[in-house]
C-alpha atoms as a PDB file:
ATOM      1  CA  MET A   1     -33.245 -18.050 -35.294  1.00  0.00           C
ATOM      2  CA  THR A   2     -30.966 -18.660 -38.280  1.00  0.00           C
ATOM      3  CA  ASN A   3     -32.134 -18.515 -41.889  1.00  0.00           C
ATOM      4  CA  ARG A   4     -31.721 -22.290 -42.042  1.00  0.00           C
ATOM      5  CA  GLU A   5     -33.995 -22.802 -39.022  1.00  0.00           C
ATOM      6  CA  ALA A   6     -36.551 -20.332 -40.362  1.00  0.00           C
ATOM      7  CA  GLY A   7     -36.545 -22.041 -43.754  1.00  0.00           C
ATOM      8  CA  ILE A   8     -36.936 -25.505 -42.264  1.00  0.00           C
ATOM      9  CA  ASN A   9     -39.848 -24.232 -40.146  1.00  0.00           C
ATOM     10  CA  VAL A  10     -41.600 -22.951 -43.283  1.00  0.00           C
ATOM     11  CA  VAL A  11     -41.051 -26.282 -45.037  1.00  0.00           C
ATOM     12  CA  ARG A  12     -42.377 -28.141 -41.981  1.00  0.00           C
ATOM     13  CA  GLU A  13     -45.503 -25.974 -41.812  1.00  0.00           C
ATOM     14  CA  MET A  14     -46.238 -26.276 -45.527  1.00  0.00           C
ATOM     15  CA  MET A  15     -45.046 -29.778 -46.370  1.00  0.00           C
ATOM     16  CA  GLY A  16     -44.776 -31.696 -43.115  1.00  0.00           C
ATOM     17  CA  ASP A  17     -42.120 -33.126 -40.851  1.00  0.00           C
ATOM     18  CA  GLN A  18     -40.837 -35.715 -43.325  1.00  0.00           C
ATOM     19  CA  ALA A  19     -40.140 -33.162 -46.075  1.00  0.00           C
ATOM     20  CA  ALA A  20     -38.504 -30.810 -43.567  1.00  0.00           C
ATOM     21  CA  ALA A  21     -36.250 -33.547 -42.198  1.00  0.00           C
ATOM     22  CA  LYS A  22     -35.246 -34.692 -45.670  1.00  0.00           C
ATOM     23  CA  LEU A  23     -34.453 -31.183 -46.910  1.00  0.00           C
ATOM     24  CA  SER A  24     -32.623 -30.295 -43.691  1.00  0.00           C
ATOM     25  CA  ALA A  25     -30.477 -33.431 -43.910  1.00  0.00           C
ATOM     26  CA  SER A  26     -29.693 -32.768 -47.555  1.00  0.00           C
ATOM     27  CA  ALA A  27     -28.831 -29.102 -46.949  1.00  0.00           C
ATOM     28  CA  GLY A  28     -26.543 -29.992 -44.046  1.00  0.00           C
ATOM     29  CA  SER A  29     -24.742 -32.830 -45.792  1.00  0.00           C
ATOM     30  CA  ASN A  30     -21.531 -32.876 -47.785  1.00  0.00           C
ATOM     31  CA  THR A  31     -23.164 -34.768 -50.633  1.00  0.00           C
ATOM     32  CA  PHE A  32     -23.733 -33.819 -54.237  1.00  0.00           C
ATOM     33  CA  GLY A  33     -26.535 -31.240 -54.420  1.00  0.00           C
ATOM     34  CA  ALA A  34     -26.214 -30.112 -50.801  1.00  0.00           C
ATOM     35  CA  PRO A  35     -25.502 -26.492 -51.797  1.00  0.00           C
ATOM     36  CA  ILE A  36     -28.691 -26.470 -53.897  1.00  0.00           C
ATOM     37  CA  ALA A  37     -30.764 -27.795 -50.985  1.00  0.00           C
ATOM     38  CA  ALA A  38     -29.156 -25.223 -48.695  1.00  0.00           C
ATOM     39  CA  TYR A  39     -30.006 -22.446 -51.143  1.00  0.00           C
ATOM     40  CA  ALA A  40     -33.620 -23.653 -51.296  1.00  0.00           C
ATOM     41  CA  VAL A  41     -33.924 -23.627 -47.510  1.00  0.00           C
ATOM     42  CA  ASP A  42     -32.003 -20.422 -46.807  1.00  0.00           C
ATOM     43  CA  GLN A  43     -33.187 -18.257 -49.670  1.00  0.00           C
ATOM     44  CA  VAL A  44     -36.390 -19.675 -51.121  1.00  0.00           C
ATOM     45  CA  PHE A  45     -38.159 -20.765 -47.950  1.00  0.00           C
ATOM     46  CA  ALA A  46     -36.547 -18.485 -45.348  1.00  0.00           C
ATOM     47  CA  ASP A  47     -36.247 -15.316 -47.416  1.00  0.00           C
ATOM     48  CA  ILE A  48     -38.906 -15.449 -50.134  1.00  0.00           C
ATOM     49  CA  TRP A  49     -41.753 -17.436 -48.527  1.00  0.00           C
ATOM     50  CA  THR A  50     -41.605 -15.236 -45.403  1.00  0.00           C
ATOM     51  CA  ARG A  51     -41.569 -11.860 -47.183  1.00  0.00           C
ATOM     52  CA  PRO A  52     -44.384  -9.421 -46.462  1.00  0.00           C
ATOM     53  CA  GLY A  53     -46.693  -8.499 -49.311  1.00  0.00           C
ATOM     54  CA  LEU A  54     -48.218 -11.876 -50.140  1.00  0.00           C
ATOM     55  CA  ASP A  55     -49.585 -14.444 -47.742  1.00  0.00           C
ATOM     56  CA  ARG A  56     -48.733 -18.119 -48.135  1.00  0.00           C
ATOM     57  CA  ARG A  57     -52.032 -18.884 -49.878  1.00  0.00           C
ATOM     58  CA  SER A  58     -51.202 -16.319 -52.556  1.00  0.00           C
ATOM     59  CA  ARG A  59     -47.619 -17.553 -52.882  1.00  0.00           C
ATOM     60  CA  SER A  60     -48.984 -21.085 -53.351  1.00  0.00           C
ATOM     61  CA  LEU A  61     -51.289 -19.870 -56.141  1.00  0.00           C
ATOM     62  CA  VAL A  62     -48.363 -18.194 -57.883  1.00  0.00           C
ATOM     63  CA  SER A  63     -46.104 -21.232 -57.450  1.00  0.00           C
ATOM     64  CA  MET A  64     -48.722 -23.624 -58.808  1.00  0.00           C
ATOM     65  CA  SER A  65     -49.296 -21.333 -61.800  1.00  0.00           C
ATOM     66  CA  VAL A  66     -45.596 -21.296 -62.605  1.00  0.00           C
ATOM     67  CA  MET A  67     -45.389 -25.087 -62.369  1.00  0.00           C
ATOM     68  CA  ILE A  68     -48.377 -25.416 -64.719  1.00  0.00           C
ATOM     69  CA  ALA A  69     -46.751 -23.118 -67.271  1.00  0.00           C
ATOM     70  CA  MET A  70     -43.452 -24.985 -67.004  1.00  0.00           C
ATOM     71  CA  ARG A  71     -45.229 -28.371 -67.309  1.00  0.00           C
ATOM     72  CA  GLN A  72     -43.720 -29.621 -64.081  1.00  0.00           C
ATOM     73  CA  PRO A  73     -46.315 -32.046 -62.651  1.00  0.00           C
ATOM     74  CA  HIS A  74     -44.088 -33.298 -59.836  1.00  0.00           C
ATOM     75  CA  GLU A  75     -43.374 -29.781 -58.594  1.00  0.00           C
ATOM     76  CA  PHE A  76     -47.020 -28.820 -59.134  1.00  0.00           C
ATOM     77  CA  ALA A  77     -48.038 -31.699 -56.846  1.00  0.00           C
ATOM     78  CA  ILE A  78     -45.613 -30.532 -54.151  1.00  0.00           C
ATOM     79  CA  HIS A  79     -46.967 -26.997 -54.338  1.00  0.00           C
ATOM     80  CA  MET A  80     -50.577 -28.182 -54.485  1.00  0.00           C
ATOM     81  CA  GLY A  81     -50.046 -30.131 -51.255  1.00  0.00           C
ATOM     82  CA  ALA A  82     -48.426 -27.081 -49.695  1.00  0.00           C
ATOM     83  CA  GLY A  83     -51.298 -24.949 -50.974  1.00  0.00           C
ATOM     84  CA  LEU A  84     -53.824 -27.209 -49.278  1.00  0.00           C
ATOM     85  CA  ASN A  85     -51.812 -26.899 -46.073  1.00  0.00           C
ATOM     86  CA  ASN A  86     -51.753 -23.126 -46.620  1.00  0.00           C
ATOM     87  CA  GLY A  87     -55.559 -23.078 -46.634  1.00  0.00           C
ATOM     88  CA  LEU A  88     -56.459 -23.350 -50.318  1.00  0.00           C
ATOM     89  CA  THR A  89     -59.564 -25.295 -51.283  1.00  0.00           C
ATOM     90  CA  LEU A  90     -59.889 -27.711 -54.159  1.00  0.00           C
ATOM     91  CA  LYS A  91     -62.233 -25.236 -55.848  1.00  0.00           C
ATOM     92  CA  GLU A  92     -59.580 -22.499 -55.656  1.00  0.00           C
ATOM     93  CA  ILE A  93     -56.949 -24.851 -57.058  1.00  0.00           C
ATOM     94  CA  GLU A  94     -59.290 -25.835 -59.868  1.00  0.00           C
ATOM     95  CA  GLU A  95     -59.780 -22.134 -60.621  1.00  0.00           C
ATOM     96  CA  VAL A  96     -56.000 -21.790 -60.986  1.00  0.00           C
ATOM     97  CA  LEU A  97     -56.134 -24.514 -63.638  1.00  0.00           C
ATOM     98  CA  ILE A  98     -59.050 -22.815 -65.405  1.00  0.00           C
ATOM     99  CA  GLN A  99     -57.344 -19.401 -65.250  1.00  0.00           C
ATOM    100  CA  ALA A 100     -54.142 -20.853 -66.711  1.00  0.00           C
ATOM    101  CA  LEU A 101     -55.937 -22.788 -69.455  1.00  0.00           C
ATOM    102  CA  PRO A 102     -56.219 -20.064 -72.131  1.00  0.00           C
ATOM    103  CA  TYR A 103     -52.615 -19.011 -71.550  1.00  0.00           C
ATOM    104  CA  VAL A 104     -50.850 -22.371 -71.459  1.00  0.00           C
ATOM    105  CA  GLY A 105     -53.272 -24.640 -73.329  1.00  0.00           C
ATOM    106  CA  TYR A 106     -54.899 -27.983 -72.706  1.00  0.00           C
ATOM    107  CA  PRO A 107     -51.699 -30.076 -72.895  1.00  0.00           C
ATOM    108  CA  ALA A 108     -50.113 -28.179 -69.992  1.00  0.00           C
ATOM    109  CA  ILE A 109     -53.276 -28.500 -67.896  1.00  0.00           C
ATOM    110  CA  ALA A 110     -53.593 -32.196 -68.731  1.00  0.00           C
ATOM    111  CA  THR A 111     -50.021 -32.671 -67.558  1.00  0.00           C
ATOM    112  CA  VAL A 112     -50.830 -31.440 -64.059  1.00  0.00           C
ATOM    113  CA  LEU A 113     -54.360 -32.893 -63.769  1.00  0.00           C
ATOM    114  CA  ALA A 114     -52.986 -36.376 -63.134  1.00  0.00           C
ATOM    115  CA  ALA A 115     -50.668 -34.963 -60.476  1.00  0.00           C
ATOM    116  CA  ALA A 116     -53.601 -33.108 -58.892  1.00  0.00           C
ATOM    117  CA  ALA A 117     -55.618 -36.330 -58.732  1.00  0.00           C
ATOM    118  CA  GLU A 118     -52.754 -38.014 -56.864  1.00  0.00           C
ATOM    119  CA  VAL A 119     -52.519 -35.166 -54.349  1.00  0.00           C
ATOM    120  CA  ILE A 120     -56.276 -35.344 -53.761  1.00  0.00           C
ATOM    121  CA  LYS A 121     -55.966 -39.080 -53.149  1.00  0.00           C
ATOM    122  CA  GLU A 122     -52.879 -38.735 -50.903  1.00  0.00           C
ATOM    123  CA  HIS A 123     -54.620 -36.110 -48.762  1.00  0.00           C
ATOM    124  CA  GLY A 124     -57.685 -38.328 -48.415  1.00  0.00           C
ATOM    125  CA  LEU A 125     -59.954 -35.682 -49.866  1.00  0.00           C
ATOM    126  CA  ASP A 126     -63.414 -36.528 -51.096  1.00  0.00           C
ATOM    127  CA  VAL A 127     -63.977 -34.211 -54.031  1.00  0.00           C
ATOM    128  CA  ASN A 128     -67.762 -34.348 -53.623  1.00  0.00           C
ATOM    129  CA  GLU A 129     -67.610 -33.262 -49.977  1.00  0.00           C
ATOM    130  CA  ASN A 130     -64.714 -30.809 -50.219  1.00  0.00           C
ATOM    131  CA  TYR A 131     -65.316 -29.185 -53.539  1.00  0.00           C
ATOM    132  CA  THR A 132     -67.270 -26.186 -52.313  1.00  0.00           C
ATOM    133  CA  GLY A 133     -64.646 -24.764 -50.039  1.00  0.00           C
ATOM    134  CA  HIS A 134     -64.116 -27.090 -47.096  1.00  0.00           C
ATOM    135  CA  ARG A 135     -60.453 -27.935 -46.617  1.00  0.00           C
ATOM    136  CA  GLY A 136     -61.187 -31.523 -45.666  1.00  0.00           C
ATOM    137  CA  LEU A 137     -57.607 -32.377 -44.739  1.00  0.00           C
ATOM    138  CA  LEU A 138     -57.116 -35.273 -42.388  1.00  0.00           C
END
């Protein structure tokens, strides 16, 4: 299996077929940004996300924390969705927000809370039923 194939498989497992197809097409194209997409697939997803030492759940926690600190709600939402697919619960994700709060402040948390609400809605999660640790993904 090539690095490209391994990377696309990781994307598929974490983000779904549509994201994998889109990233694969972009990485394999001759369009503007194709080298960046190829780097993401080959290095980030194939090399980094498959390294031993941290499981995908842990890597998702780290990635979400970085996106909170950088005030990147769109990227936070992508990594939150991947985190749910990697087995994180809403309670665990909320704990990431609480843990980050004293370090990054309320404005940074507020920035990603709206994105988190959208991910919860997109995944069809009922916060009341899934809050205590049930994945609840459809």
